[in-house]
Amino acid sequence: MFNIAAPNENEIFMRFKIILIPDKRVFGYALPINYQYELSSFIYHTLACADAEYSTWLHENGFVTDTKRFKLFSFSNLIFPAYKIISDRIEILSERVAFIVSFLPERSTEEFIRGLFSEQTFCIGDKSSKVQFRISGIELLPQPDFSIAHEYTTLSPVCITHRVADSDRVIYEAPDTTYASEALLMNLKNKSHAFTGKPYSGSDEFAFQLLAPPRSKLIAIKNNTMQQTKVKGYMFNFRLRASHQLMEVMYNAGLGEKGSLGFGEVIISKELKKINDNLRKA
């Protein structure tokens, strides 16, 4: 039975857990490792069906500051309580999976929920294997208390690019460099500017601490087509202390670049454990 969990009164939510049931009888239970672009396409397609004008605006414009354009939402990889990697496939071993989508509230929560998701079925994969999913519920997630120090986990790779001067070469930076820390701060400030329409004027504090060595992940965009490109990002656990405004931007529009393609979604680590535990209880 499809359901939308109700928020507490007077709270504004900008993060949603989308609960999925994989129908393994239709195509099986194996996904390609590179499925993020297909998940992004599903989100955009659903937006287009609900509100064509908004979808077109999101594709072509987004939020603008100077010459930069930002689509101020992000989403996670699929969250599997149990899975197995075989070659370039992910075998889903759990009965329920989920993903998180978050955004800055340019649209009302009610309109976003009604327009973006309803009980529906969708399929992601490639010619070799695919999985059909049914959306079984949506849970509206509260905002954390950013005045408290938290440990965060990336739910999708964080992308940080560095264009080499006087060339077309782009370096994908690991998050443990001085350049990366400065780039992450500037990206959040630019997103804040784009959202509010005013240059960010708050504190520049940005105490970013990795808690373990980062793991690189190469994501194929438009895999197996003439337009295929590959983007490198990094998965890691971290702590971050910054202004409330920048923390809110990070939590709802992603850390780093390319959030609307499924990069940079983060979560408080203990909340991820709760999600996995709840999915296992099915």
C-alpha atoms as a PDB file:
ATOM      1  CA  MET A   1       0.000   0.000   0.000  1.00  0.00           C
ATOM      2  CA  PHE A   2       1.487   3.331  -1.086  1.00  0.00           C
ATOM      3  CA  ASN A   3       1.775   5.970   1.614  1.00  0.00           C
ATOM      4  CA  ILE A   4       3.290   9.362   2.324  1.00  0.00           C
ATOM      5  CA  ALA A   5       4.377   9.796   5.915  1.00  0.00           C
ATOM      6  CA  ALA A   6       3.089  13.048   7.375  1.00  0.00           C
ATOM      7  CA  PRO A   7       5.490  15.749   8.625  1.00  0.00           C
ATOM      8  CA  ASN A   8       5.313  17.296  12.041  1.00  0.00           C
ATOM      9  CA  GLU A   9       3.285  20.491  12.177  1.00  0.00           C
ATOM     10  CA  ASN A  10       5.086  23.675  11.077  1.00  0.00           C
ATOM     11  CA  GLU A  11       8.150  21.804   9.796  1.00  0.00           C
ATOM     12  CA  ILE A  12       9.447  22.322   6.281  1.00  0.00           C
ATOM     13  CA  PHE A  13      10.958  19.211   4.744  1.00  0.00           C
ATOM     14  CA  MET A  14      13.327  19.128   1.825  1.00  0.00           C
ATOM     15  CA  ARG A  15      14.545  15.523   1.899  1.00  0.00           C
ATOM     16  CA  PHE A  16      12.553  12.473   0.961  1.00  0.00           C
ATOM     17  CA  LYS A  17      13.207   8.766   1.277  1.00  0.00           C
ATOM     18  CA  ILE A  18      11.658   6.935  -1.656  1.00  0.00           C
ATOM     19  CA  ILE A  19      11.003   3.287  -0.796  1.00  0.00           C
ATOM     20  CA  LEU A  20      11.130   0.828  -3.694  1.00  0.00           C
ATOM     21  CA  ILE A  21      10.179  -2.799  -4.119  1.00  0.00           C
ATOM     22  CA  PRO A  22      12.158  -4.543  -6.870  1.00  0.00           C
ATOM     23  CA  ASP A  23       9.955  -6.914  -8.880  1.00  0.00           C
ATOM     24  CA  LYS A  24      12.535  -9.577  -9.578  1.00  0.00           C
ATOM     25  CA  ARG A  25      10.060 -11.706 -11.553  1.00  0.00           C
ATOM     26  CA  VAL A  26       9.931  -9.266 -14.474  1.00  0.00           C
ATOM     27  CA  PHE A  27      13.562  -8.820 -15.548  1.00  0.00           C
ATOM     28  CA  GLY A  28      15.535 -10.276 -12.658  1.00  0.00           C
ATOM     29  CA  TYR A  29      17.541  -8.671  -9.885  1.00  0.00           C
ATOM     30  CA  ALA A  30      20.834  -7.553 -11.504  1.00  0.00           C
ATOM     31  CA  LEU A  31      21.568  -3.873 -12.138  1.00  0.00           C
ATOM     32  CA  PRO A  32      24.556  -2.440 -13.999  1.00  0.00           C
ATOM     33  CA  ILE A  33      26.941  -0.695 -11.632  1.00  0.00           C
ATOM     34  CA  ASN A  34      26.517   2.458 -13.707  1.00  0.00           C
ATOM     35  CA  TYR A  35      22.810   3.155 -13.213  1.00  0.00           C
ATOM     36  CA  GLN A  36      22.940   6.719 -11.835  1.00  0.00           C
ATOM     37  CA  TYR A  37      22.165   8.424 -15.138  1.00  0.00           C
ATOM     38  CA  GLU A  38      19.107   6.211 -15.666  1.00  0.00           C
ATOM     39  CA  LEU A  39      17.870   7.072 -12.167  1.00  0.00           C
ATOM     40  CA  SER A  40      18.387  10.764 -12.964  1.00  0.00           C
ATOM     41  CA  SER A  41      16.406  10.321 -16.197  1.00  0.00           C
ATOM     42  CA  PHE A  42      13.541   8.749 -14.254  1.00  0.00           C
ATOM     43  CA  ILE A  43      13.421  11.732 -11.885  1.00  0.00           C
ATOM     44  CA  TYR A  44      13.404  14.228 -14.763  1.00  0.00           C
ATOM     45  CA  HIS A  45      10.810  12.218 -16.670  1.00  0.00           C
ATOM     46  CA  THR A  46       8.527  12.155 -13.634  1.00  0.00           C
ATOM     47  CA  LEU A  47       8.948  15.905 -13.236  1.00  0.00           C
ATOM     48  CA  ALA A  48       8.058  16.380 -16.896  1.00  0.00           C
ATOM     49  CA  CYS A  49       4.890  14.307 -16.552  1.00  0.00           C
ATOM     50  CA  ALA A  50       3.820  16.261 -13.473  1.00  0.00           C
ATOM     51  CA  ASP A  51       4.763  19.745 -14.595  1.00  0.00           C
ATOM     52  CA  ALA A  52       6.225  20.220 -18.058  1.00  0.00           C
ATOM     53  CA  GLU A  53       6.907  23.928 -17.546  1.00  0.00           C
ATOM     54  CA  TYR A  54       8.893  23.301 -14.357  1.00  0.00           C
ATOM     55  CA  SER A  55      10.826  20.428 -15.921  1.00  0.00           C
ATOM     56  CA  THR A  56      11.806  22.552 -18.926  1.00  0.00           C
ATOM     57  CA  TRP A  57      12.905  25.390 -16.668  1.00  0.00           C
ATOM     58  CA  LEU A  58      14.928  23.005 -14.529  1.00  0.00           C
ATOM     59  CA  HIS A  59      16.671  21.539 -17.575  1.00  0.00           C
ATOM     60  CA  GLU A  60      17.439  24.826 -19.303  1.00  0.00           C
ATOM     61  CA  ASN A  61      17.870  27.275 -16.460  1.00  0.00           C
ATOM     62  CA  GLY A  62      17.841  26.326 -12.835  1.00  0.00           C
ATOM     63  CA  PHE A  63      19.107  28.931 -10.420  1.00  0.00           C
ATOM     64  CA  VAL A  64      21.511  31.483 -11.847  1.00  0.00           C
ATOM     65  CA  THR A  65      24.315  33.574 -10.377  1.00  0.00           C
ATOM     66  CA  ASP A  66      26.476  35.528 -12.815  1.00  0.00           C
ATOM     67  CA  THR A  67      27.202  32.925 -15.543  1.00  0.00           C
ATOM     68  CA  LYS A  68      26.786  29.857 -13.313  1.00  0.00           C
ATOM     69  CA  ARG A  69      23.626  27.769 -13.356  1.00  0.00           C
ATOM     70  CA  PHE A  70      22.629  25.403 -10.567  1.00  0.00           C
ATOM     71  CA  LYS A  71      19.915  22.778 -10.407  1.00  0.00           C
ATOM     72  CA  LEU A  72      19.554  22.861  -6.661  1.00  0.00           C
ATOM     73  CA  PHE A  73      18.650  19.293  -5.876  1.00  0.00           C
ATOM     74  CA  SER A  74      20.533  16.038  -5.569  1.00  0.00           C
ATOM     75  CA  PHE A  75      19.785  12.379  -5.053  1.00  0.00           C
ATOM     76  CA  SER A  76      21.525   9.354  -3.689  1.00  0.00           C
ATOM     77  CA  ASN A  77      22.615   6.051  -5.095  1.00  0.00           C
ATOM     78  CA  LEU A  78      20.177   3.259  -4.422  1.00  0.00           C
ATOM     79  CA  ILE A  79      20.441   2.038  -0.844  1.00  0.00           C
ATOM     80  CA  PHE A  80      20.599  -1.769  -0.705  1.00  0.00           C
ATOM     81  CA  PRO A  81      20.497  -3.444   2.722  1.00  0.00           C
ATOM     82  CA  ALA A  82      21.886  -6.569   1.029  1.00  0.00           C
ATOM     83  CA  TYR A  83      23.602  -6.925  -2.334  1.00  0.00           C
ATOM     84  CA  LYS A  84      26.447  -8.647  -4.138  1.00  0.00           C
ATOM     85  CA  ILE A  85      28.832  -7.254  -6.781  1.00  0.00           C
ATOM     86  CA  ILE A  86      29.551  -9.618  -9.664  1.00  0.00           C
ATOM     87  CA  SER A  87      31.752  -8.139 -12.391  1.00  0.00           C
ATOM     88  CA  ASP A  88      29.940  -4.974 -13.557  1.00  0.00           C
ATOM     89  CA  ARG A  89      26.580  -5.954 -12.045  1.00  0.00           C
ATOM     90  CA  ILE A  90      24.899  -5.375  -8.677  1.00  0.00           C
ATOM     91  CA  GLU A  91      22.732  -8.281  -7.592  1.00  0.00           C
ATOM     92  CA  ILE A  92      19.950  -7.066  -5.303  1.00  0.00           C
ATOM     93  CA  LEU A  93      19.469  -9.473  -2.402  1.00  0.00           C
ATOM     94  CA  SER A  94      17.018  -7.414  -0.321  1.00  0.00           C
ATOM     95  CA  GLU A  95      13.250  -7.198  -0.695  1.00  0.00           C
ATOM     96  CA  ARG A  96      13.185  -3.403  -0.388  1.00  0.00           C
ATOM     97  CA  VAL A  97      15.591  -0.683  -1.431  1.00  0.00           C
ATOM     98  CA  ALA A  98      15.432   3.098  -1.254  1.00  0.00           C
ATOM     99  CA  PHE A  99      16.968   6.313  -2.444  1.00  0.00           C
ATOM    100  CA  ILE A 100      16.947   9.840  -1.087  1.00  0.00           C
ATOM    101  CA  VAL A 101      16.178  12.960  -3.077  1.00  0.00           C
ATOM    102  CA  SER A 102      16.726  16.395  -1.559  1.00  0.00           C
ATOM    103  CA  PHE A 103      16.222  19.938  -2.763  1.00  0.00           C
ATOM    104  CA  LEU A 104      16.138  23.547  -1.716  1.00  0.00           C
ATOM    105  CA  PRO A 105      12.490  24.605  -1.429  1.00  0.00           C
ATOM    106  CA  GLU A 106      11.873  26.545  -4.605  1.00  0.00           C
ATOM    107  CA  ARG A 107       8.550  24.685  -4.794  1.00  0.00           C
ATOM    108  CA  SER A 108       6.167  23.901  -1.963  1.00  0.00           C
ATOM    109  CA  THR A 109       6.673  20.533  -0.314  1.00  0.00           C
ATOM    110  CA  GLU A 110       3.096  19.468  -1.032  1.00  0.00           C
ATOM    111  CA  GLU A 111       3.338  20.347  -4.725  1.00  0.00           C
ATOM    112  CA  PHE A 112       6.716  18.676  -5.070  1.00  0.00           C
ATOM    113  CA  ILE A 113       5.517  15.446  -3.473  1.00  0.00           C
ATOM    114  CA  ARG A 114       2.282  15.351  -5.450  1.00  0.00           C
ATOM    115  CA  GLY A 115       3.983  16.185  -8.740  1.00  0.00           C
ATOM    116  CA  LEU A 116       7.175  14.183  -8.452  1.00  0.00           C
ATOM    117  CA  PHE A 117       6.146  10.801  -7.096  1.00  0.00           C
ATOM    118  CA  SER A 118       3.060   8.686  -6.833  1.00  0.00           C
ATOM    119  CA  GLU A 119       2.581   4.942  -6.875  1.00  0.00           C
ATOM    120  CA  GLN A 120       4.193   3.982 -10.139  1.00  0.00           C
ATOM    121  CA  THR A 121       6.504   1.462 -11.729  1.00  0.00           C
ATOM    122  CA  PHE A 122       9.768   2.207 -13.483  1.00  0.00           C
ATOM    123  CA  CYS A 123      12.698   0.277 -14.853  1.00  0.00           C
ATOM    124  CA  ILE A 124      16.421   1.066 -14.917  1.00  0.00           C
ATOM    125  CA  GLY A 125      19.282  -0.871 -16.433  1.00  0.00           C
ATOM    126  CA  ASP A 126      20.851  -1.637 -19.799  1.00  0.00           C
ATOM    127  CA  LYS A 127      20.628  -4.230 -22.582  1.00  0.00           C
ATOM    128  CA  SER A 128      22.356  -6.849 -20.460  1.00  0.00           C
ATOM    129  CA  SER A 129      20.238  -6.557 -17.318  1.00  0.00           C
ATOM    130  CA  LYS A 130      17.618  -4.352 -15.736  1.00  0.00           C
ATOM    131  CA  VAL A 131      15.347  -4.246 -12.719  1.00  0.00           C
ATOM    132  CA  GLN A 132      11.758  -3.100 -12.455  1.00  0.00           C
ATOM    133  CA  PHE A 133      10.878  -1.152  -9.313  1.00  0.00           C
ATOM    134  CA  ARG A 134       7.583  -0.154  -7.746  1.00  0.00           C
ATOM    135  CA  ILE A 135       7.430   2.904  -5.490  1.00  0.00           C
ATOM    136  CA  SER A 136       5.764   1.734  -2.284  1.00  0.00           C
ATOM    137  CA  GLY A 137       6.107   4.819  -0.096  1.00  0.00           C
ATOM    138  CA  ILE A 138       7.631   8.220   0.526  1.00  0.00           C
ATOM    139  CA  GLU A 139       8.947   9.362   3.880  1.00  0.00           C
ATOM    140  CA  LEU A 140       9.574  13.033   4.530  1.00  0.00           C
ATOM    141  CA  LEU A 141      12.816  13.392   6.443  1.00  0.00           C
ATOM    142  CA  PRO A 142      13.431  16.163   9.002  1.00  0.00           C
ATOM    143  CA  GLN A 143      16.347  18.556   8.894  1.00  0.00           C
ATOM    144  CA  PRO A 144      19.115  17.831  11.415  1.00  0.00           C
ATOM    145  CA  ASP A 145      20.340  20.204  14.076  1.00  0.00           C
ATOM    146  CA  PHE A 146      23.389  21.679  12.367  1.00  0.00           C
ATOM    147  CA  SER A 147      24.640  23.213  15.597  1.00  0.00           C
ATOM    148  CA  ILE A 148      25.612  19.699  16.694  1.00  0.00           C
ATOM    149  CA  ALA A 149      28.728  18.037  15.268  1.00  0.00           C
ATOM    150  CA  HIS A 150      27.741  15.064  13.118  1.00  0.00           C
ATOM    151  CA  GLU A 151      29.566  12.390  11.176  1.00  0.00           C
ATOM    152  CA  TYR A 152      28.382  12.351   7.561  1.00  0.00           C
ATOM    153  CA  THR A 153      28.479   9.687   4.863  1.00  0.00           C
ATOM    154  CA  THR A 154      28.298  10.319   1.135  1.00  0.00           C
ATOM    155  CA  LEU A 155      25.377   8.534  -0.512  1.00  0.00           C
ATOM    156  CA  SER A 156      26.635   9.298  -3.995  1.00  0.00           C
ATOM    157  CA  PRO A 157      30.095  10.315  -5.213  1.00  0.00           C
ATOM    158  CA  VAL A 158      31.271  13.869  -4.586  1.00  0.00           C
ATOM    159  CA  CYS A 159      32.586  15.476  -7.772  1.00  0.00           C
ATOM    160  CA  ILE A 160      35.206  18.247  -7.624  1.00  0.00           C
ATOM    161  CA  THR A 161      36.667  19.484 -10.912  1.00  0.00           C
ATOM    162  CA  HIS A 162      39.798  21.529 -11.478  1.00  0.00           C
ATOM    163  CA  ARG A 163      40.328  23.028 -14.917  1.00  0.00           C
ATOM    164  CA  VAL A 164      43.981  23.227 -15.878  1.00  0.00           C
ATOM    165  CA  ALA A 165      44.983  26.766 -16.876  1.00  0.00           C
ATOM    166  CA  ASP A 166      45.367  27.446 -20.604  1.00  0.00           C
ATOM    167  CA  SER A 167      44.005  24.029 -21.610  1.00  0.00           C
ATOM    168  CA  ASP A 168      40.788  22.080 -21.957  1.00  0.00           C
ATOM    169  CA  ARG A 169      42.006  19.475 -19.475  1.00  0.00           C
ATOM    170  CA  VAL A 170      39.902  18.872 -16.381  1.00  0.00           C
ATOM    171  CA  ILE A 171      41.223  17.133 -13.271  1.00  0.00           C
ATOM    172  CA  TYR A 172      38.864  15.372 -10.909  1.00  0.00           C
ATOM    173  CA  GLU A 173      40.213  16.282  -7.498  1.00  0.00           C
ATOM    174  CA  ALA A 174      40.262  13.954  -4.510  1.00  0.00           C
ATOM    175  CA  PRO A 175      38.657  15.530  -1.414  1.00  0.00           C
ATOM    176  CA  ASP A 176      41.871  15.391   0.655  1.00  0.00           C
ATOM    177  CA  THR A 177      43.572  18.328  -1.082  1.00  0.00           C
ATOM    178  CA  THR A 178      43.639  22.001  -0.165  1.00  0.00           C
ATOM    179  CA  TYR A 179      42.164  22.849  -3.562  1.00  0.00           C
ATOM    180  CA  ALA A 180      39.237  20.489  -2.965  1.00  0.00           C
ATOM    181  CA  SER A 181      38.347  22.041   0.388  1.00  0.00           C
ATOM    182  CA  GLU A 182      38.408  25.539  -1.094  1.00  0.00           C
ATOM    183  CA  ALA A 183      36.381  24.396  -4.113  1.00  0.00           C
ATOM    184  CA  LEU A 184      33.728  22.757  -1.929  1.00  0.00           C
ATOM    185  CA  LEU A 185      33.340  25.946   0.098  1.00  0.00           C
ATOM    186  CA  MET A 186      33.084  28.121  -3.016  1.00  0.00           C
ATOM    187  CA  ASN A 187      30.548  25.773  -4.581  1.00  0.00           C
ATOM    188  CA  LEU A 188      28.302  25.988  -1.513  1.00  0.00           C
ATOM    189  CA  LYS A 189      28.594  29.778  -1.454  1.00  0.00           C
ATOM    190  CA  ASN A 190      27.673  29.936  -5.146  1.00  0.00           C
ATOM    191  CA  LYS A 191      24.649  27.697  -4.582  1.00  0.00           C
ATOM    192  CA  SER A 192      23.564  29.907  -1.696  1.00  0.00           C
ATOM    193  CA  HIS A 193      23.912  32.960  -3.951  1.00  0.00           C
ATOM    194  CA  ALA A 194      21.898  31.291  -6.693  1.00  0.00           C
ATOM    195  CA  PHE A 195      19.115  30.285  -4.311  1.00  0.00           C
ATOM    196  CA  THR A 196      18.759  33.515  -2.345  1.00  0.00           C
ATOM    197  CA  GLY A 197      19.642  35.903  -5.177  1.00  0.00           C
ATOM    198  CA  LYS A 198      22.205  37.586  -2.919  1.00  0.00           C
ATOM    199  CA  PRO A 199      25.961  36.978  -2.611  1.00  0.00           C
ATOM    200  CA  TYR A 200      26.751  34.839   0.416  1.00  0.00           C
ATOM    201  CA  SER A 201      27.850  37.091   3.275  1.00  0.00           C
ATOM    202  CA  GLY A 202      28.031  34.691   6.202  1.00  0.00           C
ATOM    203  CA  SER A 203      30.958  33.058   7.933  1.00  0.00           C
ATOM    204  CA  ASP A 204      33.690  31.484   5.799  1.00  0.00           C
ATOM    205  CA  GLU A 205      34.383  28.840   8.426  1.00  0.00           C
ATOM    206  CA  PHE A 206      34.775  25.484   6.690  1.00  0.00           C
ATOM    207  CA  ALA A 207      36.263  22.841   8.988  1.00  0.00           C
ATOM    208  CA  PHE A 208      36.240  19.804   6.698  1.00  0.00           C
ATOM    209  CA  GLN A 209      37.717  16.562   8.062  1.00  0.00           C
ATOM    210  CA  LEU A 210      37.905  13.204   6.287  1.00  0.00           C
ATOM    211  CA  LEU A 211      37.437  10.255   8.642  1.00  0.00           C
ATOM    212  CA  ALA A 212      38.961   7.605   6.361  1.00  0.00           C
ATOM    213  CA  PRO A 213      40.726   7.482   2.981  1.00  0.00           C
ATOM    214  CA  PRO A 214      38.287   8.419   0.180  1.00  0.00           C
ATOM    215  CA  ARG A 215      37.287   5.822  -2.425  1.00  0.00           C
ATOM    216  CA  SER A 216      37.142   6.909  -6.056  1.00  0.00           C
ATOM    217  CA  LYS A 217      34.237   5.922  -8.278  1.00  0.00           C
ATOM    218  CA  LEU A 218      33.983   6.406 -12.036  1.00  0.00           C
ATOM    219  CA  ILE A 219      30.437   7.005 -13.260  1.00  0.00           C
ATOM    220  CA  ALA A 220      29.465   6.592 -16.920  1.00  0.00           C
ATOM    221  CA  ILE A 221      26.927   9.146 -18.144  1.00  0.00           C
ATOM    222  CA  LYS A 222      24.807   7.997 -21.126  1.00  0.00           C
ATOM    223  CA  ASN A 223      26.612   4.672 -21.039  1.00  0.00           C
ATOM    224  CA  ASN A 224      27.070   2.792 -24.332  1.00  0.00           C
ATOM    225  CA  THR A 225      26.052   5.761 -26.497  1.00  0.00           C
ATOM    226  CA  MET A 226      27.950   8.191 -28.730  1.00  0.00           C
ATOM    227  CA  GLN A 227      27.453  10.830 -26.020  1.00  0.00           C
ATOM    228  CA  GLN A 228      29.038   8.729 -23.251  1.00  0.00           C
ATOM    229  CA  THR A 229      31.210  10.590 -20.784  1.00  0.00           C
ATOM    230  CA  LYS A 230      32.799   9.478 -17.534  1.00  0.00           C
ATOM    231  CA  VAL A 231      32.839  11.479 -14.337  1.00  0.00           C
ATOM    232  CA  LYS A 232      34.984  10.666 -11.320  1.00  0.00           C
ATOM    233  CA  GLY A 233      33.740  11.246  -7.818  1.00  0.00           C
ATOM    234  CA  TYR A 234      34.699  10.114  -4.341  1.00  0.00           C
ATOM    235  CA  MET A 235      32.852   8.340  -1.551  1.00  0.00           C
ATOM    236  CA  PHE A 236      33.911   9.080   2.014  1.00  0.00           C
ATOM    237  CA  ASN A 237      32.937   9.704   5.627  1.00  0.00           C
ATOM    238  CA  PHE A 238      33.581  13.168   7.001  1.00  0.00           C
ATOM    239  CA  ARG A 239      32.859  15.824   9.562  1.00  0.00           C
ATOM    240  CA  LEU A 240      32.082  19.377   8.592  1.00  0.00           C
ATOM    241  CA  ARG A 241      31.573  22.544  10.587  1.00  0.00           C
ATOM    242  CA  ALA A 242      30.338  25.579   8.687  1.00  0.00           C
ATOM    243  CA  SER A 243      27.632  28.221   8.934  1.00  0.00           C
ATOM    244  CA  HIS A 244      24.064  27.006   9.310  1.00  0.00           C
ATOM    245  CA  GLN A 245      23.240  28.461   5.897  1.00  0.00           C
ATOM    246  CA  LEU A 246      25.984  26.528   4.109  1.00  0.00           C
ATOM    247  CA  MET A 247      25.227  23.314   6.000  1.00  0.00           C
ATOM    248  CA  GLU A 248      21.602  23.579   4.913  1.00  0.00           C
ATOM    249  CA  VAL A 249      22.671  24.079   1.292  1.00  0.00           C
ATOM    250  CA  MET A 250      24.981  21.060   1.502  1.00  0.00           C
ATOM    251  CA  TYR A 251      22.314  18.815   2.999  1.00  0.00           C
ATOM    252  CA  ASN A 252      19.628  19.766   0.495  1.00  0.00           C
ATOM    253  CA  ALA A 253      21.492  20.558  -2.729  1.00  0.00           C
ATOM    254  CA  GLY A 254      24.506  18.278  -2.374  1.00  0.00           C
ATOM    255  CA  LEU A 255      28.216  18.611  -1.711  1.00  0.00           C
ATOM    256  CA  GLY A 256      30.321  19.435  -4.745  1.00  0.00           C
ATOM    257  CA  GLU A 257      29.268  19.537  -8.388  1.00  0.00           C
ATOM    258  CA  LYS A 258      26.694  17.769 -10.593  1.00  0.00           C
ATOM    259  CA  GLY A 259      24.122  17.164  -7.865  1.00  0.00           C
ATOM    260  CA  SER A 260      21.242  16.885 -10.331  1.00  0.00           C
ATOM    261  CA  LEU A 261      23.054  13.985 -12.050  1.00  0.00           C
ATOM    262  CA  GLY A 262      23.237  12.065  -8.806  1.00  0.00           C
ATOM    263  CA  PHE A 263      26.445  13.345  -7.220  1.00  0.00           C
ATOM    264  CA  GLY A 264      27.119  14.725  -3.766  1.00  0.00           C
ATOM    265  CA  GLU A 265      24.159  13.485  -1.719  1.00  0.00           C
ATOM    266  CA  VAL A 266      25.141  13.158   1.950  1.00  0.00           C
ATOM    267  CA  ILE A 267      23.517  11.867   5.121  1.00  0.00           C
ATOM    268  CA  ILE A 268      24.285  11.735   8.809  1.00  0.00           C
ATOM    269  CA  SER A 269      25.940   8.339   9.240  1.00  0.00           C
ATOM    270  CA  LYS A 270      23.700   7.118  12.050  1.00  0.00           C
ATOM    271  CA  GLU A 271      20.620   7.996   9.959  1.00  0.00           C
ATOM    272  CA  LEU A 272      21.892   5.776   7.150  1.00  0.00           C
ATOM    273  CA  LYS A 273      22.139   2.880   9.602  1.00  0.00           C
ATOM    274  CA  LYS A 274      18.510   3.463  10.619  1.00  0.00           C
ATOM    275  CA  ILE A 275      17.392   3.404   6.981  1.00  0.00           C
ATOM    276  CA  ASN A 276      19.177   0.122   6.320  1.00  0.00           C
ATOM    277  CA  ASP A 277      17.777  -1.407   9.515  1.00  0.00           C
ATOM    278  CA  ASN A 278      14.213  -0.375   8.586  1.00  0.00           C
ATOM    279  CA  LEU A 279      14.550  -1.742   5.052  1.00  0.00           C
ATOM    280  CA  ARG A 280      15.715  -5.089   6.424  1.00  0.00           C
ATOM    281  CA  LYS A 281      12.599  -5.386   8.598  1.00  0.00           C
ATOM    282  CA  ALA A 282      10.345  -5.845   5.579  1.00  0.00           C
END
